[in-house]
N, C-alpha and C. Protein backbone atom coordinates (compact mmCIF):
# COMPACT_ATOMS: atom_id res chain seq x y z
N MET A 1 0.82 -1.18 0.00
CA MET A 1 0.00 0.00 0.00
C MET A 1 0.87 1.26 0.00
N LYS A 2 2.02 1.15 0.66
CA LYS A 2 2.93 2.29 0.75
C LYS A 2 3.39 2.71 -0.64
N TYR A 3 3.86 1.76 -1.42
CA TYR A 3 4.40 2.08 -2.74
C TYR A 3 3.30 2.50 -3.71
N LEU A 4 2.13 1.92 -3.58
CA LEU A 4 1.00 2.30 -4.44
C LEU A 4 0.59 3.75 -4.18
N ALA A 5 0.55 4.15 -2.93
CA ALA A 5 0.19 5.54 -2.60
C ALA A 5 1.23 6.51 -3.14
N ILE A 6 2.50 6.15 -3.05
CA ILE A 6 3.57 7.03 -3.56
C ILE A 6 3.52 7.10 -5.08
N ILE A 7 3.30 5.97 -5.74
CA ILE A 7 3.23 5.96 -7.21
C ILE A 7 2.05 6.80 -7.70
N ILE A 8 0.90 6.66 -7.07
CA ILE A 8 -0.28 7.44 -7.47
C ILE A 8 -0.04 8.93 -7.26
N ALA A 9 0.59 9.30 -6.13
CA ALA A 9 0.85 10.71 -5.86
C ALA A 9 1.84 11.29 -6.88
N VAL A 10 2.87 10.55 -7.21
CA VAL A 10 3.85 11.03 -8.20
C VAL A 10 3.21 11.10 -9.59
N LEU A 11 2.38 10.14 -9.93
CA LEU A 11 1.67 10.17 -11.21
C LEU A 11 0.74 11.37 -11.28
N ASN A 12 0.04 11.68 -10.20
CA ASN A 12 -0.82 12.86 -10.17
C ASN A 12 -0.03 14.14 -10.35
N LEU A 13 1.15 14.23 -9.72
CA LEU A 13 1.99 15.41 -9.90
C LEU A 13 2.48 15.53 -11.34
N TYR A 14 2.84 14.42 -11.95
CA TYR A 14 3.31 14.43 -13.34
C TYR A 14 2.19 14.90 -14.28
N ILE A 15 1.01 14.34 -14.11
CA ILE A 15 -0.11 14.72 -14.97
C ILE A 15 -0.50 16.18 -14.72
N GLY A 16 -0.50 16.60 -13.46
CA GLY A 16 -0.80 17.99 -13.14
C GLY A 16 0.21 18.94 -13.75
N PHE A 17 1.48 18.55 -13.73
CA PHE A 17 2.52 19.39 -14.33
C PHE A 17 2.33 19.49 -15.84
N ARG A 18 1.94 18.39 -16.48
CA ARG A 18 1.67 18.43 -17.93
C ARG A 18 0.48 19.33 -18.24
N PHE A 19 -0.58 19.24 -17.46
CA PHE A 19 -1.72 20.14 -17.66
C PHE A 19 -1.32 21.59 -17.42
N PHE A 20 -0.47 21.83 -16.42
CA PHE A 20 0.01 23.19 -16.16
C PHE A 20 0.81 23.72 -17.34
N LEU A 21 1.68 22.90 -17.91
CA LEU A 21 2.46 23.33 -19.08
C LEU A 21 1.55 23.60 -20.28
N ASN A 22 0.47 22.84 -20.41
CA ASN A 22 -0.50 23.12 -21.46
C ASN A 22 -1.24 24.43 -21.20
N ALA A 23 -1.51 24.72 -19.94
CA ALA A 23 -2.25 25.94 -19.60
C ALA A 23 -1.44 27.19 -19.88
N ILE A 24 -0.11 27.11 -19.73
CA ILE A 24 0.73 28.28 -19.99
C ILE A 24 1.33 28.24 -21.39
N HIS A 25 0.84 27.35 -22.23
CA HIS A 25 1.19 27.23 -23.65
C HIS A 25 2.64 26.84 -23.91
N VAL A 26 3.25 26.11 -23.00
CA VAL A 26 4.56 25.53 -23.28
C VAL A 26 4.37 24.26 -24.11
N LEU A 27 3.40 23.44 -23.72
CA LEU A 27 3.01 22.28 -24.52
C LEU A 27 1.74 22.63 -25.29
N GLN A 28 1.53 22.00 -26.40
CA GLN A 28 0.33 22.23 -27.21
C GLN A 28 -0.42 20.92 -27.44
N THR A 29 -0.53 20.10 -26.41
CA THR A 29 -1.11 18.77 -26.58
C THR A 29 -2.51 18.62 -26.00
N SER A 30 -3.07 19.65 -25.40
CA SER A 30 -4.36 19.53 -24.74
C SER A 30 -5.50 19.56 -25.76
N LYS A 31 -6.45 18.66 -25.55
CA LYS A 31 -7.63 18.60 -26.41
C LYS A 31 -8.82 19.32 -25.78
N TYR A 32 -8.64 19.85 -24.59
CA TYR A 32 -9.73 20.46 -23.84
C TYR A 32 -9.61 21.97 -23.84
N SER A 33 -10.64 22.65 -23.39
CA SER A 33 -10.61 24.11 -23.33
C SER A 33 -9.58 24.57 -22.30
N LYS A 34 -9.22 25.84 -22.40
CA LYS A 34 -8.21 26.39 -21.48
C LYS A 34 -8.70 26.33 -20.03
N CYS A 35 -9.98 26.62 -19.82
CA CYS A 35 -10.53 26.59 -18.47
C CYS A 35 -10.46 25.18 -17.88
N SER A 36 -10.82 24.18 -18.66
CA SER A 36 -10.75 22.80 -18.18
C SER A 36 -9.31 22.38 -17.91
N THR A 37 -8.40 22.81 -18.76
CA THR A 37 -6.99 22.47 -18.56
C THR A 37 -6.46 23.08 -17.26
N ILE A 38 -6.84 24.31 -16.97
CA ILE A 38 -6.41 24.95 -15.73
C ILE A 38 -7.02 24.24 -14.51
N ILE A 39 -8.29 23.86 -14.61
CA ILE A 39 -8.93 23.14 -13.50
C ILE A 39 -8.24 21.81 -13.27
N PHE A 40 -7.94 21.07 -14.35
CA PHE A 40 -7.24 19.79 -14.20
C PHE A 40 -5.85 19.99 -13.62
N ALA A 41 -5.14 21.04 -14.03
CA ALA A 41 -3.80 21.30 -13.50
C ALA A 41 -3.85 21.56 -12.00
N LEU A 42 -4.77 22.42 -11.58
CA LEU A 42 -4.90 22.71 -10.15
C LEU A 42 -5.32 21.48 -9.36
N LEU A 43 -6.23 20.72 -9.91
CA LEU A 43 -6.74 19.52 -9.24
C LEU A 43 -5.64 18.48 -9.05
N PHE A 44 -4.93 18.14 -10.12
CA PHE A 44 -3.91 17.10 -10.04
C PHE A 44 -2.68 17.56 -9.26
N LEU A 45 -2.25 18.81 -9.45
CA LEU A 45 -1.10 19.29 -8.69
C LEU A 45 -1.42 19.41 -7.21
N GLY A 46 -2.59 19.94 -6.90
CA GLY A 46 -2.97 20.10 -5.49
C GLY A 46 -3.11 18.78 -4.76
N LEU A 47 -3.89 17.89 -5.32
CA LEU A 47 -4.12 16.61 -4.64
C LEU A 47 -2.89 15.70 -4.72
N GLY A 48 -2.08 15.86 -5.77
CA GLY A 48 -0.81 15.12 -5.82
C GLY A 48 0.13 15.59 -4.73
N GLY A 49 0.18 16.89 -4.49
CA GLY A 49 1.00 17.42 -3.40
C GLY A 49 0.52 16.97 -2.04
N ILE A 50 -0.79 16.95 -1.86
CA ILE A 50 -1.35 16.47 -0.59
C ILE A 50 -1.04 14.98 -0.41
N GLY A 51 -1.09 14.21 -1.51
CA GLY A 51 -0.74 12.79 -1.44
C GLY A 51 0.71 12.57 -1.05
N ILE A 52 1.61 13.40 -1.60
CA ILE A 52 3.03 13.32 -1.21
C ILE A 52 3.20 13.67 0.26
N TYR A 53 2.47 14.69 0.70
CA TYR A 53 2.55 15.08 2.12
C TYR A 53 2.13 13.92 3.03
N TYR A 54 1.00 13.28 2.71
CA TYR A 54 0.54 12.18 3.55
C TYR A 54 1.39 10.93 3.39
N SER A 55 2.12 10.80 2.28
CA SER A 55 2.98 9.63 2.10
C SER A 55 4.29 9.76 2.87
N PHE A 56 4.87 10.98 2.88
CA PHE A 56 6.21 11.13 3.45
C PHE A 56 6.24 11.82 4.81
N PHE A 57 5.37 12.79 5.06
CA PHE A 57 5.47 13.57 6.28
C PHE A 57 4.47 13.14 7.33
N ALA A 58 3.22 12.97 6.97
CA ALA A 58 2.21 12.55 7.95
C ALA A 58 2.14 11.02 8.06
N VAL A 59 2.68 10.30 7.10
CA VAL A 59 2.76 8.85 7.03
C VAL A 59 1.42 8.19 7.34
N ASN A 60 0.45 8.49 6.49
CA ASN A 60 -0.86 7.84 6.55
C ASN A 60 -1.19 7.41 5.12
N TYR A 61 -0.87 6.17 4.80
CA TYR A 61 -0.98 5.70 3.42
C TYR A 61 -2.41 5.49 2.97
N THR A 62 -3.32 5.23 3.88
CA THR A 62 -4.72 5.09 3.52
C THR A 62 -5.28 6.42 3.03
N VAL A 63 -5.01 7.48 3.76
CA VAL A 63 -5.47 8.81 3.34
C VAL A 63 -4.78 9.22 2.04
N ALA A 64 -3.49 8.89 1.91
CA ALA A 64 -2.76 9.22 0.69
C ALA A 64 -3.36 8.50 -0.52
N SER A 65 -3.79 7.27 -0.36
CA SER A 65 -4.42 6.54 -1.46
C SER A 65 -5.78 7.12 -1.82
N ILE A 66 -6.55 7.49 -0.82
CA ILE A 66 -7.87 8.10 -1.09
C ILE A 66 -7.70 9.44 -1.77
N VAL A 67 -6.78 10.25 -1.28
CA VAL A 67 -6.50 11.55 -1.90
C VAL A 67 -5.95 11.35 -3.32
N GLY A 68 -5.18 10.29 -3.53
CA GLY A 68 -4.65 10.00 -4.86
C GLY A 68 -5.72 9.61 -5.86
N ALA A 69 -6.77 8.98 -5.40
CA ALA A 69 -7.86 8.61 -6.29
C ALA A 69 -8.82 9.77 -6.53
N GLY A 70 -8.76 10.78 -5.69
CA GLY A 70 -9.66 11.92 -5.79
C GLY A 70 -9.63 12.66 -7.11
N PRO A 71 -8.44 13.04 -7.63
CA PRO A 71 -8.44 13.79 -8.88
C PRO A 71 -9.00 13.00 -10.06
N TRP A 72 -8.86 11.69 -10.01
CA TRP A 72 -9.38 10.88 -11.12
C TRP A 72 -10.90 10.89 -11.11
N ALA A 73 -11.50 10.74 -9.94
CA ALA A 73 -12.96 10.76 -9.85
C ALA A 73 -13.52 12.14 -10.17
N ILE A 74 -12.93 13.18 -9.59
CA ILE A 74 -13.39 14.54 -9.84
C ILE A 74 -13.13 14.93 -11.29
N GLY A 75 -11.96 14.53 -11.82
CA GLY A 75 -11.62 14.84 -13.21
C GLY A 75 -12.56 14.19 -14.21
N LEU A 76 -12.95 12.95 -13.95
CA LEU A 76 -13.90 12.29 -14.84
C LEU A 76 -15.26 12.97 -14.79
N PHE A 77 -15.66 13.43 -13.63
CA PHE A 77 -16.93 14.15 -13.50
C PHE A 77 -16.87 15.48 -14.26
N ILE A 78 -15.79 16.22 -14.11
CA ILE A 78 -15.62 17.49 -14.83
C ILE A 78 -15.57 17.25 -16.33
N LEU A 79 -14.88 16.20 -16.75
CA LEU A 79 -14.81 15.87 -18.16
C LEU A 79 -16.18 15.53 -18.72
N LEU A 80 -17.00 14.81 -17.97
CA LEU A 80 -18.36 14.50 -18.39
C LEU A 80 -19.17 15.77 -18.57
N ILE A 81 -19.09 16.68 -17.60
CA ILE A 81 -19.80 17.95 -17.72
C ILE A 81 -19.29 18.75 -18.91
N ASN A 82 -17.98 18.73 -19.13
CA ASN A 82 -17.37 19.45 -20.24
C ASN A 82 -17.86 18.90 -21.58
N LEU A 83 -17.94 17.60 -21.70
CA LEU A 83 -18.38 16.99 -22.95
C LEU A 83 -19.85 17.26 -23.23
N VAL A 84 -20.66 17.30 -22.20
CA VAL A 84 -22.10 17.53 -22.37
C VAL A 84 -22.40 19.01 -22.68
N SER A 85 -21.66 19.90 -22.07
CA SER A 85 -22.02 21.32 -22.17
C SER A 85 -21.37 22.07 -23.33
N GLU A 86 -20.28 21.57 -23.91
CA GLU A 86 -19.61 22.31 -24.98
C GLU A 86 -20.15 21.94 -26.34
N ASP A 87 -19.99 22.89 -27.27
CA ASP A 87 -20.42 22.70 -28.65
C ASP A 87 -19.18 22.40 -29.50
N TYR A 88 -19.16 21.25 -30.15
CA TYR A 88 -17.99 20.81 -30.92
C TYR A 88 -18.23 20.94 -32.41
N LYS A 89 -18.50 22.14 -32.88
CA LYS A 89 -18.72 22.34 -34.33
C LYS A 89 -17.46 22.69 -35.03
């Protein structure tokens, strides 16, 4: 459980950093709107950082795993709303 929590937290930080680079136009790989990209960047970077905190400093791997799964659940919900509400003409 320890290594899984750390891997998920590092993966969230990596994905959040990629979304952040897309938001500031360093990368041009995002398929989503700028607002969604910024929300995903904040979500993954924030919860990835909290996961790292609970993995290394507070040493509570259960909370780190739950926090690590959080951006995926929230991100899928935001993506669903984004797909339903936007016009793709």
